[in-house]
Amino acid sequence: MSRNDILAGSIGGAVAKVFEHPLDTLKTRMQTSRPTVGALALAQRTTVASLYRGLGAPLLASGCENAILFTSFNATARLIHDGERDDMPFPRVLLAASVSAVAVSHLLTPVEYVKVRMQSAPLLANPGASARGSLACVADAISRRGVAGLYKGHCAMLAREVPGNVAWFSGYELAARALTPADRRRSELATCAAGAFAGMAYWAVPYPVDTVKSSIVAGTHGLPAGVPPTLANVAKKLYADGGLRALYRGCPLTVARAAPGNAILFTVYEAVQRRLSPPPK
């Protein structure tokens, strides 16, 4: 496990998370509110402080998340490719990205459970422990179903993370290589632009699955009693209630905030990597 990957991923992820979280809160509330509630109405009911609800868990985990992503991606890349990452064939990029997605999903599921419950609490008729803070939310989930309670929506998380991270890593490599001449070192501008493209690609590809996941975790899917809230059942219910539009609620906002957020993440990650790496001889 590379110390550089851990440190660079942790720092980059934490910096980006502080920037992204308020818009992520709006996205979650759009996904878990009724289709008749518009973005303007949600914004009018939102305070600045409430936009940072649930930040604690994802901020603490964002460093671990990106450390796992970059460490597992680069470790897999070293196993399947002998050369530099910049010239790794794209099929191998896709494989390494898939491995990293599976690895990180086990961390993200409980973190996002807490985040979504906290973010959607102001919209729920009976928010329960979610209104009292992250620790109360965790304790409530464990008291009801044990540790498995924190893994509600795990299948949906896997269904989001694998295609999302394939799009993320391959989108970054594609854009960075296109913007970097063969005989030049990758510039900060190319890194920033490639990071922005990667962030948009990550969310554009699996966004409907994320909407389903948020609905499962928040319990706002509206399924009849006795119908299990599986990925397929909730997706069908959301589509029946609002069509494709319901599955893409908040997508433009999310893609828009992903561009600067991931530009920051990759720029900080690459800068820390250069700082920590020994100078070329």
Protein backbone atom coordinates (compact mmCIF):
# COMPACT_ATOMS: atom_id res chain seq x y z
CA MET A 1 0.00 0.00 0.00
CA SER A 2 1.52 3.33 -1.07
CA ARG A 3 1.83 5.97 1.62
CA ASN A 4 1.75 8.62 -1.11
CA ASP A 5 -1.58 7.33 -2.46
CA ILE A 6 -3.06 7.35 1.04
CA LEU A 7 -1.92 10.88 1.90
CA ALA A 8 -2.65 12.42 -1.49
CA GLY A 9 -6.06 10.76 -1.73
CA SER A 10 -6.99 11.74 1.82
CA ILE A 11 -6.05 15.40 1.42
CA GLY A 12 -7.60 15.77 -2.02
CA GLY A 13 -10.82 14.08 -0.95
CA ALA A 14 -11.24 16.18 2.19
CA VAL A 15 -10.68 19.49 0.39
CA ALA A 16 -13.15 18.57 -2.36
CA LYS A 17 -15.78 17.33 0.12
CA VAL A 18 -16.00 20.66 1.95
CA PHE A 19 -16.67 22.37 -1.38
CA GLU A 20 -19.17 19.80 -2.66
CA HIS A 21 -21.28 18.99 0.39
CA PRO A 22 -23.83 21.85 0.29
CA LEU A 23 -24.76 21.06 -3.31
CA ASP A 24 -24.80 17.35 -2.47
CA THR A 25 -27.36 18.10 0.24
CA LEU A 26 -29.61 19.86 -2.27
CA LYS A 27 -29.22 16.89 -4.63
CA THR A 28 -30.27 14.41 -1.94
CA ARG A 29 -33.28 16.50 -0.95
CA MET A 30 -34.41 16.70 -4.57
CA GLN A 31 -34.07 12.92 -4.91
CA THR A 32 -36.02 12.16 -1.75
CA SER A 33 -38.76 14.81 -1.97
CA ARG A 34 -42.06 14.51 -3.81
CA PRO A 35 -41.89 15.02 -7.60
CA THR A 36 -44.19 18.04 -7.23
CA VAL A 37 -41.65 19.88 -5.05
CA GLY A 38 -39.39 21.98 -7.26
CA ALA A 39 -35.79 23.08 -6.77
CA LEU A 40 -36.84 26.67 -6.01
CA ALA A 41 -39.25 25.55 -3.28
CA LEU A 42 -36.53 23.40 -1.71
CA ALA A 43 -34.05 26.27 -1.84
CA GLN A 44 -36.52 28.57 -0.06
CA ARG A 45 -36.83 26.04 2.78
CA THR A 46 -33.07 25.62 3.11
CA THR A 47 -30.66 27.50 5.37
CA VAL A 48 -26.90 27.69 4.95
CA ALA A 49 -26.38 25.68 8.14
CA SER A 50 -28.74 22.95 6.96
CA LEU A 51 -26.73 22.55 3.76
CA TYR A 52 -23.88 21.23 5.90
CA ARG A 53 -26.05 18.67 7.74
CA GLY A 54 -24.42 15.27 7.66
CA LEU A 55 -20.99 16.63 6.68
CA GLY A 56 -19.19 14.98 9.59
CA ALA A 57 -19.42 11.37 8.42
CA PRO A 58 -18.54 11.97 4.74
CA LEU A 59 -15.77 14.43 5.63
CA LEU A 60 -14.12 11.90 7.91
CA ALA A 61 -14.65 9.16 5.36
CA SER A 62 -13.74 11.14 2.24
CA GLY A 63 -10.06 10.83 3.01
CA CYS A 64 -10.40 7.08 3.50
CA GLU A 65 -12.61 6.82 0.41
CA ASN A 66 -10.12 8.46 -1.92
CA ALA A 67 -7.17 6.75 -0.27
CA ILE A 68 -8.86 3.38 -0.95
CA LEU A 69 -9.81 4.39 -4.50
CA PHE A 70 -6.36 5.56 -5.55
CA THR A 71 -4.46 2.89 -3.61
CA SER A 72 -6.52 -0.01 -4.98
CA PHE A 73 -6.54 1.46 -8.50
CA ASN A 74 -2.78 1.99 -8.57
CA ALA A 75 -2.04 -1.36 -6.89
CA THR A 76 -4.17 -3.17 -9.48
CA ALA A 77 -2.57 -1.14 -12.26
CA ARG A 78 0.89 -2.22 -11.10
CA LEU A 79 -0.20 -5.86 -11.09
CA ILE A 80 -1.59 -5.84 -14.63
CA HIS A 81 0.68 -3.28 -16.31
CA ASP A 82 4.46 -2.97 -16.23
CA GLY A 83 4.79 0.56 -17.63
CA GLU A 84 3.67 3.99 -16.51
CA ARG A 85 0.01 4.57 -15.70
CA ASP A 86 -0.16 7.21 -18.42
CA ASP A 87 0.34 4.60 -21.15
CA MET A 88 -1.79 1.82 -19.64
CA PRO A 89 -4.28 0.42 -22.23
CA PHE A 90 -7.87 1.43 -21.53
CA PRO A 91 -9.18 -2.12 -20.97
CA ARG A 92 -6.74 -2.36 -18.06
CA VAL A 93 -7.82 1.07 -16.80
CA LEU A 94 -11.40 -0.25 -16.74
CA LEU A 95 -10.36 -3.36 -14.81
CA ALA A 96 -8.38 -1.41 -12.22
CA ALA A 97 -11.27 1.05 -11.83
CA SER A 98 -13.74 -1.80 -11.26
CA VAL A 99 -11.56 -3.31 -8.53
CA SER A 100 -11.26 0.05 -6.77
CA ALA A 101 -15.04 0.56 -6.98
CA VAL A 102 -15.82 -2.75 -5.29
CA ALA A 103 -13.23 -2.03 -2.60
CA VAL A 104 -14.54 1.44 -1.75
CA SER A 105 -18.25 0.52 -1.81
CA HIS A 106 -17.91 -1.36 1.50
CA LEU A 107 -16.79 1.87 3.18
CA LEU A 108 -19.21 4.17 1.36
CA THR A 109 -22.46 2.31 2.08
CA PRO A 110 -22.62 3.04 5.84
CA VAL A 111 -21.20 6.54 5.36
CA GLU A 112 -23.82 7.41 2.74
CA TYR A 113 -26.55 5.81 4.84
CA VAL A 114 -25.83 8.33 7.60
CA LYS A 115 -25.35 11.21 5.15
CA VAL A 116 -28.61 10.61 3.28
CA ARG A 117 -30.61 10.14 6.48
CA MET A 118 -29.21 13.38 7.90
CA GLN A 119 -29.66 15.36 4.69
CA SER A 120 -33.23 14.22 4.10
CA ALA A 121 -34.35 14.57 7.75
CA PRO A 122 -35.90 18.06 7.28
CA LEU A 123 -38.17 16.63 4.57
CA LEU A 124 -39.38 13.60 6.54
CA ALA A 125 -42.58 13.58 8.59
CA ASN A 126 -40.87 11.43 11.23
CA PRO A 127 -37.08 11.84 10.95
CA GLY A 128 -36.47 10.11 14.29
CA ALA A 129 -32.82 9.71 15.25
CA SER A 130 -31.68 11.34 12.00
CA ALA A 131 -32.68 14.73 13.42
CA ARG A 132 -30.43 14.27 16.48
CA GLY A 133 -27.08 13.85 14.73
CA SER A 134 -24.80 11.33 13.05
CA LEU A 135 -24.05 9.24 16.14
CA ALA A 136 -27.74 8.95 17.01
CA CYS A 137 -28.46 7.90 13.43
CA VAL A 138 -25.79 5.17 13.62
CA ALA A 139 -27.02 3.94 17.00
CA ASP A 140 -30.62 3.81 15.76
CA ALA A 141 -29.70 1.79 12.65
CA ILE A 142 -27.67 -0.71 14.69
CA SER A 143 -30.38 -1.06 17.35
CA ARG A 144 -32.94 -1.94 14.67
CA ARG A 145 -30.99 -4.32 12.44
CA GLY A 146 -27.48 -4.60 13.81
CA VAL A 147 -24.52 -3.57 11.67
CA ALA A 148 -26.53 -4.70 8.62
CA GLY A 149 -28.75 -1.67 9.20
CA LEU A 150 -25.91 0.59 8.10
CA TYR A 151 -25.59 -1.41 4.88
CA LYS A 152 -29.10 -0.68 3.67
CA GLY A 153 -28.78 0.09 -0.05
CA HIS A 154 -25.46 -1.75 -0.46
CA CYS A 155 -26.48 -3.44 -3.73
CA ALA A 156 -27.49 -0.06 -5.12
CA MET A 157 -24.14 1.35 -3.99
CA LEU A 158 -22.26 -1.36 -5.90
CA ALA A 159 -24.46 -0.72 -8.94
CA ARG A 160 -23.51 2.97 -8.74
CA GLU A 161 -19.84 2.68 -7.87
CA VAL A 162 -18.68 0.19 -10.51
CA PRO A 163 -19.91 2.04 -13.62
CA GLY A 164 -19.33 5.38 -11.91
CA ASN A 165 -15.68 4.73 -11.11
CA VAL A 166 -15.05 3.12 -14.49
CA ALA A 167 -16.31 6.39 -16.01
CA TRP A 168 -14.32 8.43 -13.46
CA PHE A 169 -10.89 6.88 -13.93
CA SER A 170 -11.21 6.27 -17.66
CA GLY A 171 -12.64 9.77 -18.18
CA TYR A 172 -9.71 11.28 -16.31
CA GLU A 173 -7.11 9.29 -18.22
CA LEU A 174 -8.80 9.99 -21.57
CA ALA A 175 -9.00 13.74 -21.00
CA ALA A 176 -5.55 14.05 -19.40
CA ARG A 177 -3.85 12.18 -22.24
CA ALA A 178 -5.71 14.21 -24.86
CA LEU A 179 -4.60 17.46 -23.20
CA THR A 180 -0.96 16.46 -22.66
CA PRO A 181 1.54 16.35 -25.56
CA ALA A 182 3.52 13.11 -25.72
CA ASP A 183 6.83 14.77 -24.82
CA ARG A 184 5.52 16.99 -22.00
CA ARG A 185 4.79 16.57 -18.30
CA ARG A 186 1.11 16.84 -17.45
CA SER A 187 0.31 20.45 -16.58
CA GLU A 188 -1.84 21.63 -13.68
CA LEU A 189 -4.34 23.01 -16.20
CA ALA A 190 -4.63 19.63 -17.93
CA THR A 191 -5.04 17.91 -14.55
CA CYS A 192 -7.74 20.39 -13.52
CA ALA A 193 -9.67 20.04 -16.80
CA ALA A 194 -9.37 16.25 -16.79
CA GLY A 195 -10.59 16.12 -13.19
CA ALA A 196 -13.62 18.23 -14.09
CA PHE A 197 -14.43 15.92 -17.01
CA ALA A 198 -14.00 12.84 -14.81
CA GLY A 199 -16.38 14.21 -12.18
CA MET A 200 -19.09 14.90 -14.74
CA ALA A 201 -18.62 11.45 -16.28
CA TYR A 202 -18.89 9.76 -12.87
CA TRP A 203 -22.32 11.22 -12.16
CA ALA A 204 -23.75 11.27 -15.68
CA VAL A 205 -23.38 7.50 -16.08
CA PRO A 206 -24.99 5.94 -12.93
CA TYR A 207 -27.14 8.84 -11.69
CA PRO A 208 -30.53 7.01 -11.79
CA VAL A 209 -29.06 4.30 -9.55
CA ASP A 210 -28.00 6.96 -7.05
CA THR A 211 -31.55 8.30 -6.99
CA VAL A 212 -32.84 4.80 -6.24
CA LYS A 213 -30.22 4.35 -3.51
CA SER A 214 -31.17 7.63 -1.83
CA SER A 215 -34.85 6.68 -1.94
CA ILE A 216 -34.11 3.26 -0.39
CA VAL A 217 -32.02 4.73 2.43
CA ALA A 218 -34.37 7.62 3.21
CA GLY A 219 -37.44 5.38 2.93
CA THR A 220 -39.23 7.83 0.63
CA HIS A 221 -39.93 5.36 -2.20
CA GLY A 222 -43.62 4.93 -1.37
CA LEU A 223 -43.76 1.18 -1.97
CA PRO A 224 -46.80 -0.64 -0.54
CA ALA A 225 -46.35 -2.47 2.75
CA GLY A 226 -44.92 -5.93 2.21
CA VAL A 227 -43.05 -5.04 -0.99
CA PRO A 228 -39.30 -5.20 -0.30
CA PRO A 229 -37.42 -2.00 -1.24
CA THR A 230 -35.02 -3.71 -3.64
CA LEU A 231 -33.12 -1.87 -6.37
CA ALA A 232 -35.51 -3.15 -9.04
CA ASN A 233 -38.73 -2.52 -7.07
CA VAL A 234 -37.82 1.03 -6.11
CA ALA A 235 -36.62 1.86 -9.63
CA LYS A 236 -39.94 0.64 -11.06
CA LYS A 237 -41.93 2.63 -8.49
CA LEU A 238 -40.02 5.85 -9.12
CA TYR A 239 -40.36 5.42 -12.87
CA ALA A 240 -44.08 4.69 -12.56
CA ASP A 241 -44.59 7.81 -10.43
CA GLY A 242 -42.54 10.27 -12.46
CA GLY A 243 -40.92 8.63 -15.48
CA LEU A 244 -37.26 9.19 -16.34
CA ARG A 245 -37.49 12.70 -14.95
CA ALA A 246 -37.95 11.28 -11.46
CA LEU A 247 -34.79 9.19 -11.79
CA TYR A 248 -32.77 12.20 -12.94
CA ARG A 249 -33.99 14.71 -10.36
CA GLY A 250 -31.04 16.85 -9.30
CA CYS A 251 -28.76 15.48 -12.03
CA PRO A 252 -27.89 18.83 -13.68
CA LEU A 253 -27.02 20.31 -10.28
CA THR A 254 -24.92 17.27 -9.38
CA VAL A 255 -23.01 17.19 -12.66
CA ALA A 256 -22.39 20.95 -12.38
CA ARG A 257 -20.94 20.71 -8.86
CA ALA A 258 -18.94 17.59 -9.75
CA ALA A 259 -16.86 19.50 -12.30
CA PRO A 260 -15.17 21.99 -9.91
CA GLY A 261 -15.20 19.49 -7.03
CA ASN A 262 -13.25 16.87 -8.95
CA ALA A 263 -11.03 19.46 -10.58
CA ILE A 264 -10.00 20.38 -7.03
CA LEU A 265 -9.65 16.73 -5.98
CA PHE A 266 -7.37 15.65 -8.83
CA THR A 267 -5.32 18.87 -8.77
CA VAL A 268 -4.66 18.51 -5.03
CA TYR A 269 -4.01 14.76 -5.40
CA GLU A 270 -1.44 15.22 -8.17
CA ALA A 271 0.19 18.17 -6.37
CA VAL A 272 0.60 16.18 -3.14
CA GLN A 273 1.93 13.19 -5.12
CA ARG A 274 4.59 15.39 -6.73
CA ARG A 275 5.46 16.90 -3.36
CA LEU A 276 5.89 13.49 -1.74
CA SER A 277 7.66 11.76 -4.62
CA PRO A 278 11.47 11.84 -4.74
CA PRO A 279 12.92 14.15 -7.41
CA PRO A 280 13.98 12.42 -10.65
CA LYS A 281 17.69 11.57 -10.81
